[in-house]
Amino acid sequence: MPVQNSDALIIERGGELYYATTQDFAAFIASALGTSEFRVAAISDRNQLETDGKLSVGDTIMVDNASADTDVTAGWALYQYLAPNVFRKIAEEEGTDIVINPTNLSLTQTATNATVVNSNGDDVVLPSASATNAGLLPAAGQQKLALVTVTASVDLDDLKTKSHAAASSDGTVLTNPITVDTTTQKVGFSITALNPAP
């Protein structure tokens, strides 16, 4: 805390009170944080600053050609001195160390599936739909759908009910050619044993 009508400060450290001028305090902070900035030509010159004892923790060093740093391909880099032999790169001409590998996607198709082709590998096969799993409509299914013509909205449940009611297996194989499987509800037609027409 400052001493009234004075440029002195009282600093408590470890339970002890110390008296210091503001200039002393500023010098202490500067030495602790590092306020010096240096500009050198190469990484070897940056390292020489440390060897010569010119660096304090927190000092920044601009290196015009930092290509000797394995993380810098070319150009300048800005470093902060942290500890003996420890420099943190805080900026560089190249920007960030991000490698971008563009991916091109294309599609190949067969009658039963499609493949999303990745130029970097890891292709994805999209299979046909099955009775249990969703998937693509195979070519054969599309051909069957193309044969269906619907000109108005249709209630398929009603259609199923009426068609099953109309399909009767009453009589015998000699008098009724329609067969209905009671398990699967498939409707069949058989004329092998029909009586000849009169």
C-alpha atoms as a PDB file:
ATOM      1  CA  MET A   1       0.000   0.000   0.000  1.00  0.00           C
ATOM      2  CA  PRO A   2       1.266   3.541  -0.701  1.00  0.00           C
ATOM      3  CA  VAL A   3       2.568   5.757   2.036  1.00  0.00           C
ATOM      4  CA  GLN A   4       0.589   8.991   2.190  1.00  0.00           C
ATOM      5  CA  ASN A   5       2.341  12.059   0.689  1.00  0.00           C
ATOM      6  CA  SER A   6       5.180   9.854  -0.536  1.00  0.00           C
ATOM      7  CA  ASP A   7       6.212   7.915  -3.616  1.00  0.00           C
ATOM      8  CA  ALA A   8       7.009   4.949  -1.356  1.00  0.00           C
ATOM      9  CA  LEU A   9       5.151   1.658  -1.064  1.00  0.00           C
ATOM     10  CA  ILE A  10       4.897  -0.789   1.812  1.00  0.00           C
ATOM     11  CA  ILE A  11       5.012  -4.364   0.549  1.00  0.00           C
ATOM     12  CA  GLU A  12       4.168  -7.366   2.717  1.00  0.00           C
ATOM     13  CA  ARG A  13       5.958 -10.558   1.880  1.00  0.00           C
ATOM     14  CA  GLY A  14       6.058 -13.641   4.107  1.00  0.00           C
ATOM     15  CA  GLY A  15       4.625 -11.688   7.021  1.00  0.00           C
ATOM     16  CA  GLU A  16       7.354  -9.011   6.769  1.00  0.00           C
ATOM     17  CA  LEU A  17       6.789  -5.407   5.703  1.00  0.00           C
ATOM     18  CA  TYR A  18       9.172  -3.835   3.193  1.00  0.00           C
ATOM     19  CA  TYR A  19       9.544  -0.202   2.249  1.00  0.00           C
ATOM     20  CA  ALA A  20      10.198   0.575  -1.443  1.00  0.00           C
ATOM     21  CA  THR A  21       9.919   3.538  -3.749  1.00  0.00           C
ATOM     22  CA  THR A  22       7.681   3.322  -6.803  1.00  0.00           C
ATOM     23  CA  GLN A  23      10.804   3.249  -8.970  1.00  0.00           C
ATOM     24  CA  ASP A  24      12.114   0.249  -7.017  1.00  0.00           C
ATOM     25  CA  PHE A  25       8.744  -1.447  -7.370  1.00  0.00           C
ATOM     26  CA  ALA A  26       8.579  -0.800 -11.123  1.00  0.00           C
ATOM     27  CA  ALA A  27      12.097  -2.159 -11.572  1.00  0.00           C
ATOM     28  CA  PHE A  28      11.176  -5.273  -9.595  1.00  0.00           C
ATOM     29  CA  ILE A  29       8.064  -5.898 -11.734  1.00  0.00           C
ATOM     30  CA  ALA A  30      10.030  -5.347 -14.934  1.00  0.00           C
ATOM     31  CA  SER A  31      12.712  -7.807 -13.880  1.00  0.00           C
ATOM     32  CA  ALA A  32      10.095 -10.371 -12.859  1.00  0.00           C
ATOM     33  CA  LEU A  33       7.896 -10.091 -15.945  1.00  0.00           C
ATOM     34  CA  GLY A  34      10.349  -9.156 -18.633  1.00  0.00           C
ATOM     35  CA  THR A  35       9.679  -6.044 -20.640  1.00  0.00           C
ATOM     36  CA  SER A  36      12.570  -6.041 -23.088  1.00  0.00           C
ATOM     37  CA  GLU A  37      12.085  -6.592 -26.789  1.00  0.00           C
ATOM     38  CA  PHE A  38      14.804  -7.779 -29.122  1.00  0.00           C
ATOM     39  CA  ARG A  39      15.068  -8.169 -32.871  1.00  0.00           C
ATOM     40  CA  VAL A  40      17.658 -10.526 -34.297  1.00  0.00           C
ATOM     41  CA  ALA A  41      18.448 -12.047 -37.667  1.00  0.00           C
ATOM     42  CA  ALA A  42      18.325 -15.768 -36.886  1.00  0.00           C
ATOM     43  CA  ILE A  43      17.584 -18.406 -34.246  1.00  0.00           C
ATOM     44  CA  SER A  44      21.280 -18.657 -33.406  1.00  0.00           C
ATOM     45  CA  ASP A  45      21.267 -14.930 -32.539  1.00  0.00           C
ATOM     46  CA  ARG A  46      18.236 -15.458 -30.294  1.00  0.00           C
ATOM     47  CA  ASN A  47      20.065 -18.211 -28.445  1.00  0.00           C
ATOM     48  CA  GLN A  48      23.141 -15.994 -28.124  1.00  0.00           C
ATOM     49  CA  LEU A  49      21.056 -13.393 -26.242  1.00  0.00           C
ATOM     50  CA  GLU A  50      20.459 -15.998 -23.550  1.00  0.00           C
ATOM     51  CA  THR A  51      24.097 -17.063 -23.523  1.00  0.00           C
ATOM     52  CA  ASP A  52      25.110 -13.418 -23.027  1.00  0.00           C
ATOM     53  CA  GLY A  53      22.691 -13.088 -20.083  1.00  0.00           C
ATOM     54  CA  LYS A  54      20.592 -10.410 -21.783  1.00  0.00           C
ATOM     55  CA  LEU A  55      17.204 -12.110 -21.392  1.00  0.00           C
ATOM     56  CA  SER A  56      14.704 -11.962 -18.534  1.00  0.00           C
ATOM     57  CA  VAL A  57      11.614 -14.157 -18.199  1.00  0.00           C
ATOM     58  CA  GLY A  58       8.865 -12.704 -20.359  1.00  0.00           C
ATOM     59  CA  ASP A  59      11.138 -10.875 -22.838  1.00  0.00           C
ATOM     60  CA  THR A  60      10.089 -11.072 -26.478  1.00  0.00           C
ATOM     61  CA  ILE A  61      12.436 -11.730 -29.363  1.00  0.00           C
ATOM     62  CA  MET A  62      11.595 -11.112 -33.031  1.00  0.00           C
ATOM     63  CA  VAL A  63      13.609 -13.437 -35.278  1.00  0.00           C
ATOM     64  CA  ASP A  64      13.668 -12.289 -38.925  1.00  0.00           C
ATOM     65  CA  ASN A  65      14.617 -15.709 -40.323  1.00  0.00           C
ATOM     66  CA  ALA A  66      13.329 -18.437 -38.009  1.00  0.00           C
ATOM     67  CA  SER A  67      13.717 -21.302 -40.484  1.00  0.00           C
ATOM     68  CA  ALA A  68      16.186 -23.030 -38.112  1.00  0.00           C
ATOM     69  CA  ASP A  69      13.131 -23.704 -35.887  1.00  0.00           C
ATOM     70  CA  THR A  70      11.715 -27.071 -36.966  1.00  0.00           C
ATOM     71  CA  ASP A  71       8.176 -25.654 -36.664  1.00  0.00           C
ATOM     72  CA  VAL A  72       8.883 -22.769 -39.061  1.00  0.00           C
ATOM     73  CA  THR A  73       9.389 -23.514 -42.748  1.00  0.00           C
ATOM     74  CA  ALA A  74      10.347 -19.963 -43.678  1.00  0.00           C
ATOM     75  CA  GLY A  75       9.958 -16.350 -42.586  1.00  0.00           C
ATOM     76  CA  TRP A  76       9.947 -14.540 -39.257  1.00  0.00           C
ATOM     77  CA  ALA A  77       8.735 -15.716 -35.845  1.00  0.00           C
ATOM     78  CA  LEU A  78       8.126 -14.027 -32.501  1.00  0.00           C
ATOM     79  CA  TYR A  79       9.211 -15.777 -29.300  1.00  0.00           C
ATOM     80  CA  GLN A  80       8.798 -15.240 -25.567  1.00  0.00           C
ATOM     81  CA  TYR A  81      11.590 -16.249 -23.208  1.00  0.00           C
ATOM     82  CA  LEU A  82      10.221 -18.485 -20.422  1.00  0.00           C
ATOM     83  CA  ALA A  83      13.218 -20.179 -18.793  1.00  0.00           C
ATOM     84  CA  PRO A  84      16.755 -21.290 -19.650  1.00  0.00           C
ATOM     85  CA  ASN A  85      16.613 -22.918 -23.104  1.00  0.00           C
ATOM     86  CA  VAL A  86      12.807 -22.510 -23.184  1.00  0.00           C
ATOM     87  CA  PHE A  87      11.280 -20.184 -25.786  1.00  0.00           C
ATOM     88  CA  ARG A  88       7.578 -20.078 -26.607  1.00  0.00           C
ATOM     89  CA  LYS A  89       6.669 -19.205 -30.193  1.00  0.00           C
ATOM     90  CA  ILE A  90       3.786 -16.731 -30.022  1.00  0.00           C
ATOM     91  CA  ALA A  91       3.502 -15.730 -33.694  1.00  0.00           C
ATOM     92  CA  GLU A  92       5.004 -16.463 -37.084  1.00  0.00           C
ATOM     93  CA  GLU A  93       4.826 -15.282 -40.665  1.00  0.00           C
ATOM     94  CA  GLU A  94       3.300 -18.551 -41.826  1.00  0.00           C
ATOM     95  CA  GLY A  95       0.322 -18.105 -39.496  1.00  0.00           C
ATOM     96  CA  THR A  96      -0.679 -21.286 -37.730  1.00  0.00           C
ATOM     97  CA  ASP A  97       0.767 -24.781 -37.952  1.00  0.00           C
ATOM     98  CA  ILE A  98      -2.290 -26.285 -39.632  1.00  0.00           C
ATOM     99  CA  VAL A  99      -1.935 -28.711 -42.511  1.00  0.00           C
ATOM    100  CA  ILE A 100      -4.992 -28.751 -44.746  1.00  0.00           C
ATOM    101  CA  ASN A 101      -5.587 -31.857 -46.830  1.00  0.00           C
ATOM    102  CA  PRO A 102      -8.531 -31.173 -49.121  1.00  0.00           C
ATOM    103  CA  THR A 103     -10.919 -34.045 -49.738  1.00  0.00           C
ATOM    104  CA  ASN A 104     -12.732 -34.670 -52.995  1.00  0.00           C
ATOM    105  CA  LEU A 105     -15.873 -36.791 -52.859  1.00  0.00           C
ATOM    106  CA  SER A 106     -17.451 -38.595 -55.811  1.00  0.00           C
ATOM    107  CA  LEU A 107     -20.184 -41.202 -56.241  1.00  0.00           C
ATOM    108  CA  THR A 108     -20.100 -44.539 -58.037  1.00  0.00           C
ATOM    109  CA  GLN A 109     -23.257 -46.595 -58.470  1.00  0.00           C
ATOM    110  CA  THR A 110     -24.217 -50.188 -59.264  1.00  0.00           C
ATOM    111  CA  ALA A 111     -27.602 -51.902 -59.551  1.00  0.00           C
ATOM    112  CA  THR A 112     -27.543 -52.796 -55.850  1.00  0.00           C
ATOM    113  CA  ASN A 113     -25.555 -50.099 -54.002  1.00  0.00           C
ATOM    114  CA  ALA A 114     -23.636 -46.832 -54.230  1.00  0.00           C
ATOM    115  CA  THR A 115     -20.161 -45.890 -52.986  1.00  0.00           C
ATOM    116  CA  VAL A 116     -19.104 -42.446 -51.797  1.00  0.00           C
ATOM    117  CA  VAL A 117     -15.462 -42.328 -52.930  1.00  0.00           C
ATOM    118  CA  ASN A 118     -13.105 -40.256 -50.749  1.00  0.00           C
ATOM    119  CA  SER A 119      -9.904 -39.032 -52.445  1.00  0.00           C
ATOM    120  CA  ASN A 120      -8.078 -39.529 -49.117  1.00  0.00           C
ATOM    121  CA  GLY A 121      -9.372 -43.082 -48.647  1.00  0.00           C
ATOM    122  CA  ASP A 122     -12.089 -44.337 -46.272  1.00  0.00           C
ATOM    123  CA  ASP A 123     -14.779 -44.821 -48.938  1.00  0.00           C
ATOM    124  CA  VAL A 124     -18.337 -45.440 -47.729  1.00  0.00           C
ATOM    125  CA  VAL A 125     -20.624 -48.065 -49.308  1.00  0.00           C
ATOM    126  CA  LEU A 126     -24.347 -47.296 -49.115  1.00  0.00           C
ATOM    127  CA  PRO A 127     -26.158 -50.664 -49.350  1.00  0.00           C
ATOM    128  CA  SER A 128     -29.610 -51.450 -50.681  1.00  0.00           C
ATOM    129  CA  ALA A 129     -32.504 -51.440 -48.259  1.00  0.00           C
ATOM    130  CA  SER A 130     -33.474 -54.751 -46.746  1.00  0.00           C
ATOM    131  CA  ALA A 131     -36.423 -56.059 -44.763  1.00  0.00           C
ATOM    132  CA  THR A 132     -34.663 -54.990 -41.559  1.00  0.00           C
ATOM    133  CA  ASN A 133     -32.357 -52.081 -42.484  1.00  0.00           C
ATOM    134  CA  ALA A 134     -32.860 -48.800 -44.288  1.00  0.00           C
ATOM    135  CA  GLY A 135     -30.820 -48.228 -47.418  1.00  0.00           C
ATOM    136  CA  LEU A 136     -30.974 -47.298 -51.076  1.00  0.00           C
ATOM    137  CA  LEU A 137     -33.757 -48.359 -53.416  1.00  0.00           C
ATOM    138  CA  PRO A 138     -32.113 -50.863 -55.786  1.00  0.00           C
ATOM    139  CA  ALA A 139     -32.615 -50.649 -59.545  1.00  0.00           C
ATOM    140  CA  ALA A 140     -35.034 -53.594 -59.531  1.00  0.00           C
ATOM    141  CA  GLY A 141     -37.241 -51.828 -56.997  1.00  0.00           C
ATOM    142  CA  GLN A 142     -37.278 -48.656 -59.099  1.00  0.00           C
ATOM    143  CA  GLN A 143     -38.303 -50.683 -62.152  1.00  0.00           C
ATOM    144  CA  LYS A 144     -41.243 -52.149 -60.220  1.00  0.00           C
ATOM    145  CA  LEU A 145     -42.338 -48.723 -58.996  1.00  0.00           C
ATOM    146  CA  ALA A 146     -42.244 -47.396 -62.558  1.00  0.00           C
ATOM    147  CA  LEU A 147     -45.014 -49.889 -63.442  1.00  0.00           C
ATOM    148  CA  VAL A 148     -47.362 -48.385 -60.833  1.00  0.00           C
ATOM    149  CA  THR A 149     -49.619 -45.532 -61.961  1.00  0.00           C
ATOM    150  CA  VAL A 150     -51.668 -43.702 -59.354  1.00  0.00           C
ATOM    151  CA  THR A 151     -53.992 -40.939 -60.581  1.00  0.00           C
ATOM    152  CA  ALA A 152     -55.689 -40.202 -57.271  1.00  0.00           C
ATOM    153  CA  SER A 153     -54.978 -40.702 -53.600  1.00  0.00           C
ATOM    154  CA  VAL A 154     -55.406 -44.312 -52.501  1.00  0.00           C
ATOM    155  CA  ASP A 155     -56.113 -45.752 -49.057  1.00  0.00           C
ATOM    156  CA  LEU A 156     -53.886 -48.820 -49.168  1.00  0.00           C
ATOM    157  CA  ASP A 157     -55.384 -50.308 -45.991  1.00  0.00           C
ATOM    158  CA  ASP A 158     -58.861 -50.079 -47.525  1.00  0.00           C
ATOM    159  CA  LEU A 159     -57.588 -51.530 -50.790  1.00  0.00           C
ATOM    160  CA  LYS A 160     -56.053 -54.470 -48.944  1.00  0.00           C
ATOM    161  CA  THR A 161     -59.261 -55.131 -47.017  1.00  0.00           C
ATOM    162  CA  LYS A 162     -61.455 -55.029 -50.136  1.00  0.00           C
ATOM    163  CA  SER A 163     -59.102 -57.111 -52.258  1.00  0.00           C
ATOM    164  CA  HIS A 164     -58.928 -59.827 -49.601  1.00  0.00           C
ATOM    165  CA  ALA A 165     -62.689 -59.797 -49.232  1.00  0.00           C
ATOM    166  CA  ALA A 166     -63.085 -60.167 -52.995  1.00  0.00           C
ATOM    167  CA  ALA A 167     -60.565 -62.983 -53.150  1.00  0.00           C
ATOM    168  CA  SER A 168     -62.475 -65.936 -51.882  1.00  0.00           C
ATOM    169  CA  SER A 169     -61.205 -69.445 -51.630  1.00  0.00           C
ATOM    170  CA  ASP A 170     -64.708 -70.802 -51.152  1.00  0.00           C
ATOM    171  CA  GLY A 171     -65.511 -73.880 -53.074  1.00  0.00           C
ATOM    172  CA  THR A 172     -62.969 -76.362 -54.253  1.00  0.00           C
ATOM    173  CA  VAL A 173     -59.996 -76.296 -56.577  1.00  0.00           C
ATOM    174  CA  LEU A 174     -62.390 -77.611 -59.218  1.00  0.00           C
ATOM    175  CA  THR A 175     -64.737 -74.603 -58.996  1.00  0.00           C
ATOM    176  CA  ASN A 176     -62.604 -71.637 -57.749  1.00  0.00           C
ATOM    177  CA  PRO A 177     -59.191 -70.805 -59.239  1.00  0.00           C
ATOM    178  CA  ILE A 178     -58.354 -68.261 -56.499  1.00  0.00           C
ATOM    179  CA  THR A 179     -56.206 -69.403 -53.589  1.00  0.00           C
ATOM    180  CA  VAL A 180     -55.481 -67.378 -50.423  1.00  0.00           C
ATOM    181  CA  ASP A 181     -52.637 -68.402 -48.128  1.00  0.00           C
ATOM    182  CA  THR A 182     -54.077 -67.981 -44.613  1.00  0.00           C
ATOM    183  CA  THR A 183     -50.615 -67.377 -43.091  1.00  0.00           C
ATOM    184  CA  THR A 184     -49.075 -64.869 -45.507  1.00  0.00           C
ATOM    185  CA  GLN A 185     -52.316 -63.603 -47.085  1.00  0.00           C
ATOM    186  CA  LYS A 186     -50.820 -64.077 -50.531  1.00  0.00           C
ATOM    187  CA  VAL A 187     -53.411 -64.456 -53.238  1.00  0.00           C
ATOM    188  CA  GLY A 188     -52.734 -67.038 -55.917  1.00  0.00           C
ATOM    189  CA  PHE A 189     -54.454 -68.338 -59.034  1.00  0.00           C
ATOM    190  CA  SER A 190     -54.533 -71.944 -60.169  1.00  0.00           C
ATOM    191  CA  ILE A 191     -56.339 -73.391 -63.148  1.00  0.00           C
ATOM    192  CA  THR A 192     -54.796 -76.826 -63.135  1.00  0.00           C
ATOM    193  CA  ALA A 193     -57.851 -78.610 -61.734  1.00  0.00           C
ATOM    194  CA  LEU A 194     -60.701 -76.436 -62.993  1.00  0.00           C
ATOM    195  CA  ASN A 195     -63.680 -78.145 -64.546  1.00  0.00           C
ATOM    196  CA  PRO A 196     -63.901 -77.420 -68.254  1.00  0.00           C
ATOM    197  CA  ALA A 197     -66.414 -74.777 -69.265  1.00  0.00           C
ATOM    198  CA  PRO A 198     -69.775 -76.192 -70.415  1.00  0.00           C
END
